[in-house]
């Protein structure tokens, strides 16, 4: 299982457009093979700062997602809005432990 954490901060002028774009990406991504979780959250203390939490069945599934033309277009759109702090970090998880 692959866990991923992404962040980006939209300039105030583009926060609404970024919200809408991330909403559309999330809806589409959740339909992809291997996507087990795709959640976009906005930091309540910093409006326009978004956190993207992903869970994939495999690194291959995540890499397939990242190679899609729509993902490339979204990354280009983000940079076109002046977003320069886009980050994505992924970890390969070991044994799952249910806590609650």
Protein backbone atom coordinates (compact mmCIF):
# COMPACT_ATOMS: atom_id res chain seq x y z
CA UNK A 1 0.00 0.00 0.00
CA UNK A 2 1.21 3.49 -0.85
CA UNK A 3 0.34 6.51 1.30
CA UNK A 4 0.83 9.97 -0.13
CA UNK A 5 0.71 13.48 1.31
CA UNK A 6 0.57 16.52 -0.96
CA UNK A 7 0.29 20.23 -0.25
CA UNK A 8 -0.15 23.45 -2.18
CA UNK A 9 -1.12 27.02 -1.37
CA UNK A 10 -3.23 29.04 -3.78
CA UNK A 11 -2.90 32.81 -4.00
CA UNK A 12 -6.07 34.43 -2.66
CA UNK A 13 -7.16 35.46 -6.16
CA UNK A 14 -7.09 31.81 -7.29
CA UNK A 15 -8.31 30.02 -4.16
CA UNK A 16 -11.86 29.42 -5.47
CA UNK A 17 -10.60 28.15 -8.84
CA UNK A 18 -8.11 25.88 -7.05
CA UNK A 19 -10.87 24.50 -4.81
CA UNK A 20 -13.03 23.69 -7.83
CA UNK A 21 -10.14 22.11 -9.74
CA UNK A 22 -9.14 19.95 -6.76
CA UNK A 23 -12.77 18.88 -6.28
CA UNK A 24 -12.92 17.70 -9.91
CA UNK A 25 -9.56 15.93 -9.70
CA UNK A 26 -10.61 14.15 -6.51
CA UNK A 27 -13.87 12.92 -8.04
CA UNK A 28 -12.10 11.57 -11.12
CA UNK A 29 -9.16 10.06 -9.23
CA UNK A 30 -11.41 8.09 -6.89
CA UNK A 31 -12.60 6.14 -9.94
CA UNK A 32 -9.09 5.06 -10.97
CA UNK A 33 -7.75 1.54 -10.58
CA UNK A 34 -5.87 1.15 -7.32
CA UNK A 35 -7.11 4.37 -5.71
CA UNK A 36 -8.24 3.50 -2.21
CA UNK A 37 -8.47 7.06 -0.85
CA UNK A 38 -8.18 10.54 -2.33
CA UNK A 39 -9.05 13.29 0.12
CA UNK A 40 -8.56 17.03 -0.31
CA UNK A 41 -8.69 19.21 2.80
CA UNK A 42 -8.25 22.94 3.32
CA UNK A 43 -6.29 24.19 6.30
CA UNK A 44 -8.72 26.12 8.52
CA UNK A 45 -5.93 28.35 9.81
CA UNK A 46 -4.58 29.17 6.34
CA UNK A 47 -7.36 29.52 3.74
CA UNK A 48 -6.12 28.48 0.32
CA UNK A 49 -3.63 25.97 1.75
CA UNK A 50 -4.70 22.49 0.65
CA UNK A 51 -3.63 19.06 1.84
CA UNK A 52 -4.14 16.02 -0.39
CA UNK A 53 -4.12 12.59 1.26
CA UNK A 54 -3.93 9.56 -1.01
CA UNK A 55 -3.86 5.81 -0.55
CA UNK A 56 -3.00 3.54 -3.48
CA UNK A 57 -2.89 -0.22 -3.81
CA UNK A 58 0.58 0.00 -5.39
CA UNK A 59 3.23 2.44 -6.55
CA UNK A 60 2.44 1.36 -10.12
CA UNK A 61 -1.17 2.51 -9.67
CA UNK A 62 0.00 5.86 -8.31
CA UNK A 63 2.54 6.30 -11.12
CA UNK A 64 -0.17 5.48 -13.70
CA UNK A 65 -2.33 8.20 -12.13
CA UNK A 66 0.52 10.74 -12.18
CA UNK A 67 1.22 9.98 -15.86
CA UNK A 68 -2.34 10.77 -16.98
CA UNK A 69 -2.66 13.78 -19.30
CA UNK A 70 -5.29 15.31 -16.97
CA UNK A 71 -2.81 15.29 -14.08
CA UNK A 72 -0.18 17.02 -16.21
CA UNK A 73 -2.76 19.60 -17.27
CA UNK A 74 -3.73 20.20 -13.63
CA UNK A 75 -0.10 20.68 -12.62
CA UNK A 76 0.38 23.17 -15.46
CA UNK A 77 -2.81 25.00 -14.40
CA UNK A 78 -1.59 25.17 -10.80
CA UNK A 79 1.71 26.69 -11.88
CA UNK A 80 -0.20 29.10 -14.15
CA UNK A 81 -2.07 30.36 -11.07
CA UNK A 82 1.20 31.21 -9.37
CA UNK A 83 1.29 28.18 -7.07
CA UNK A 84 4.94 27.36 -6.47
CA UNK A 85 4.81 25.17 -3.37
CA UNK A 86 3.22 21.99 -4.78
CA UNK A 87 4.70 18.98 -2.98
CA UNK A 88 3.91 15.27 -3.03
CA UNK A 89 5.58 12.71 -0.77
CA UNK A 90 4.76 9.00 -0.83
CA UNK A 91 5.57 6.14 1.52
CA UNK A 92 5.25 2.43 1.09
CA UNK A 93 3.31 1.19 4.11
CA UNK A 94 3.86 -2.08 5.88
CA UNK A 95 1.33 -4.05 7.84
CA UNK A 96 -1.96 -2.32 8.46
CA UNK A 97 -3.08 -2.09 12.10
CA UNK A 98 -6.67 -1.12 12.89
CA UNK A 99 -6.54 1.21 15.93
CA UNK A 100 -10.26 1.80 16.41
